[in-house]
Amino acid sequence: MSCRGVAAGLIHCGDFPPKIHIFVTVISTTLLMANTYLQIYLHLIFAVKNRDALIPPQWQPRIHAYAAEMLRNRGNLPIAVGGTDNHIHIFFQYSGKELISELVRDLKVFLTKAINDNRMTPFKFEWQKGYGCFSHSHAQVESVKQYVLNQPQHHHNRTLQEEIEIILRRQGIEFDEKFIFTDPM
């Protein structure tokens, strides 16, 4: 049987009587949506190994600028970078062009090298193994931005562990507080 026609519409097949046509609907993602729309805001948090206070206040702006630069170079849009002497918060619009785990790994490597090469701390600098990464809506952008930029004020009466527990609860993520900073055996 030979058929002629278009991707969607009337198709005339030679074996059918000439006055009978078959209607075929073809669904193609290309026909339905020609463009890709993506808007993902991520709040990334990771700590210095053992939560040691190894990021002196005078170096924090430079480290934050390095983080923003690296994200920008990878096609992401940094919105706010903040932190304290023992951890960093990075809030950005994620491009979706690479796995989050690979982006975080490379960001940690980049920052570690910058900190050690520029001798920003007299000790060998390392980040903890894990990280927290949380998504936010467009309506939350300004409040999360302010939260990230005001980290020193948030930690006057709250530890990093308490902060992480609050964020995990707000995000509806189950956790065991024994393993927030310790790998389970």
Protein backbone atom coordinates (compact mmCIF):
# COMPACT_ATOMS: atom_id res chain seq x y z
CA MET A 1 0.00 0.00 0.00
CA SER A 2 1.40 3.42 -0.88
CA CYS A 3 0.33 6.49 1.04
CA ARG A 4 0.94 10.12 0.39
CA GLY A 5 0.19 13.13 2.56
CA VAL A 6 1.61 15.28 5.33
CA ALA A 7 2.76 14.68 8.89
CA ALA A 8 -0.63 15.58 10.29
CA GLY A 9 -3.80 15.77 8.24
CA LEU A 10 -5.41 13.88 5.40
CA ILE A 11 -3.47 11.03 3.90
CA HIS A 12 -4.60 9.25 0.74
CA CYS A 13 -3.66 5.61 0.53
CA GLY A 14 -3.76 3.95 -2.90
CA ASP A 15 -5.49 0.73 -1.80
CA PHE A 16 -8.59 2.53 -0.54
CA PRO A 17 -11.34 3.70 -2.85
CA PRO A 18 -10.48 7.15 -4.19
CA LYS A 19 -13.14 8.96 -2.18
CA ILE A 20 -12.01 7.53 1.20
CA HIS A 21 -9.30 9.37 3.09
CA ILE A 22 -7.70 8.46 6.38
CA PHE A 23 -7.09 11.19 8.98
CA VAL A 24 -3.85 10.65 10.85
CA THR A 25 -2.65 12.76 13.75
CA VAL A 26 1.08 12.75 14.33
CA ILE A 27 2.32 14.27 17.56
CA SER A 28 5.83 15.58 17.54
CA THR A 29 7.48 17.48 20.36
CA THR A 30 9.05 19.68 17.72
CA LEU A 31 5.62 20.66 16.44
CA LEU A 32 4.18 21.21 19.93
CA MET A 33 7.01 23.30 21.41
CA ALA A 34 9.72 24.81 19.30
CA ASN A 35 11.54 26.47 22.20
CA THR A 36 12.75 25.28 25.56
CA TYR A 37 11.84 27.31 28.62
CA LEU A 38 13.76 26.77 31.83
CA GLN A 39 13.76 28.72 35.07
CA ILE A 40 15.45 26.97 37.98
CA TYR A 41 16.73 28.82 41.02
CA LEU A 42 19.11 26.83 43.24
CA HIS A 43 20.41 27.59 46.72
CA LEU A 44 23.65 25.72 47.28
CA ILE A 45 25.31 25.32 50.69
CA PHE A 46 28.53 23.59 51.61
CA ALA A 47 30.88 23.79 54.56
CA VAL A 48 34.58 23.81 55.25
CA LYS A 49 35.84 20.35 56.21
CA ASN A 50 35.05 19.74 59.90
CA ARG A 51 33.30 23.14 59.86
CA ASP A 52 36.61 24.74 60.77
CA ALA A 53 36.63 28.54 60.69
CA LEU A 54 39.11 28.79 57.81
CA ILE A 55 37.54 31.53 55.67
CA PRO A 56 38.64 34.84 57.26
CA PRO A 57 36.22 37.76 56.79
CA GLN A 58 38.76 39.74 54.73
CA TRP A 59 38.90 36.92 52.12
CA GLN A 60 35.18 36.17 51.92
CA PRO A 61 34.32 38.80 49.25
CA ARG A 62 37.09 37.49 47.00
CA ILE A 63 36.04 33.85 47.45
CA HIS A 64 32.42 34.81 46.78
CA ALA A 65 33.51 36.63 43.61
CA TYR A 66 35.44 33.53 42.46
CA ALA A 67 32.31 31.41 42.97
CA ALA A 68 30.16 33.85 40.99
CA GLU A 69 32.74 34.03 38.20
CA MET A 70 32.94 30.25 37.88
CA LEU A 71 29.14 29.93 37.73
CA ARG A 72 28.90 32.67 35.11
CA ASN A 73 31.61 31.01 33.00
CA ARG A 74 29.56 27.79 33.04
CA GLY A 75 26.41 29.54 31.78
CA ASN A 76 24.65 30.04 35.11
CA LEU A 77 23.47 33.36 36.52
CA PRO A 78 24.76 34.08 40.05
CA ILE A 79 22.25 36.03 42.13
CA ALA A 80 23.92 36.12 45.57
CA VAL A 81 26.92 34.57 47.28
CA GLY A 82 27.42 34.81 51.03
CA GLY A 83 28.61 32.86 54.00
CA THR A 84 30.68 32.90 57.13
CA ASP A 85 34.10 31.65 58.18
CA ASN A 86 33.00 27.99 57.95
CA HIS A 87 30.53 27.72 55.05
CA ILE A 88 29.26 29.29 51.84
CA HIS A 89 25.80 29.92 50.37
CA ILE A 90 25.44 30.34 46.63
CA PHE A 91 22.10 31.33 45.08
CA PHE A 92 21.92 31.22 41.29
CA GLN A 93 19.76 30.65 38.26
CA TYR A 94 20.75 27.22 36.97
CA SER A 95 21.23 26.77 33.23
CA GLY A 96 20.44 23.04 33.22
CA LYS A 97 23.38 22.39 30.88
CA GLU A 98 25.22 20.03 33.24
CA LEU A 99 24.58 17.79 36.19
CA ILE A 100 24.31 19.63 39.49
CA SER A 101 26.69 17.17 41.15
CA GLU A 102 29.36 17.85 38.51
CA LEU A 103 28.89 21.61 38.81
CA VAL A 104 29.25 21.45 42.61
CA ARG A 105 32.30 19.17 42.38
CA ASP A 106 34.02 21.51 39.93
CA LEU A 107 33.05 24.59 41.94
CA LYS A 108 34.57 23.10 45.10
CA VAL A 109 37.76 22.16 43.24
CA PHE A 110 38.01 25.64 41.70
CA LEU A 111 37.48 27.42 45.04
CA THR A 112 39.84 25.10 46.92
CA LYS A 113 42.60 25.76 44.39
CA ALA A 114 42.01 29.52 44.53
CA ILE A 115 42.06 29.54 48.35
CA ASN A 116 45.21 27.40 48.61
CA ASP A 117 47.08 29.05 45.70
CA ASN A 118 46.42 32.54 47.11
CA ARG A 119 47.25 31.42 50.67
CA MET A 120 43.98 32.77 52.02
CA THR A 121 44.41 30.52 55.04
CA PRO A 122 47.62 29.30 56.70
CA PHE A 123 46.22 25.74 56.73
CA LYS A 124 45.48 23.29 53.94
CA PHE A 125 41.96 24.18 52.87
CA GLU A 126 39.29 21.58 52.03
CA TRP A 127 35.50 21.52 51.74
CA GLN A 128 33.28 18.87 53.32
CA LYS A 129 32.27 15.94 51.10
CA GLY A 130 28.58 16.72 50.75
CA TYR A 131 26.41 19.73 50.05
CA GLY A 132 22.84 20.94 50.22
CA CYS A 133 21.07 22.10 47.08
CA PHE A 134 17.52 23.45 47.29
CA SER A 135 15.20 24.80 44.62
CA HIS A 136 13.16 27.98 44.97
CA SER A 137 10.40 29.65 43.00
CA HIS A 138 10.68 32.96 41.18
CA ALA A 139 8.52 34.54 43.90
CA GLN A 140 11.18 33.62 46.51
CA VAL A 141 14.18 35.11 44.69
CA GLU A 142 14.39 38.37 46.67
CA SER A 143 13.94 36.75 50.09
CA VAL A 144 16.51 34.01 49.40
CA LYS A 145 18.93 36.61 48.02
CA GLN A 146 18.65 38.67 51.21
CA TYR A 147 19.02 35.53 53.34
CA VAL A 148 22.25 34.58 51.53
CA LEU A 149 23.70 38.09 51.69
CA ASN A 150 22.98 38.42 55.44
CA GLN A 151 24.63 35.20 56.62
CA PRO A 152 26.81 36.77 59.35
CA GLN A 153 23.67 38.18 61.03
CA HIS A 154 21.87 34.81 60.79
CA HIS A 155 24.71 33.09 62.60
CA HIS A 156 24.95 35.36 65.63
CA ASN A 157 22.63 33.00 67.50
CA ARG A 158 22.39 29.92 65.25
CA THR A 159 24.95 27.25 64.35
CA LEU A 160 25.41 25.91 60.84
CA GLN A 161 23.91 22.59 61.90
CA GLU A 162 20.81 24.35 63.27
CA GLU A 163 20.52 26.32 60.04
CA ILE A 164 20.76 23.18 57.89
CA GLU A 165 18.14 21.41 60.02
CA ILE A 166 15.73 24.36 59.61
CA ILE A 167 16.24 24.40 55.83
CA LEU A 168 15.76 20.63 55.56
CA ARG A 169 12.51 20.83 57.55
CA ARG A 170 11.21 23.74 55.43
CA GLN A 171 12.01 21.77 52.28
CA GLY A 172 10.25 18.67 53.63
CA ILE A 173 13.41 16.56 53.52
CA GLU A 174 13.71 13.73 56.04
CA PHE A 175 17.07 13.49 57.78
CA ASP A 176 18.87 12.07 60.78
CA GLU A 177 20.69 14.90 62.57
CA LYS A 178 23.52 12.50 63.45
CA PHE A 179 24.47 12.38 59.77
CA ILE A 180 24.13 15.98 58.63
CA PHE A 181 27.91 16.39 58.76
CA THR A 182 28.98 12.79 59.33
CA ASP A 183 28.84 9.96 56.83
CA PRO A 184 26.69 7.02 58.00
CA MET A 185 28.74 3.92 58.72
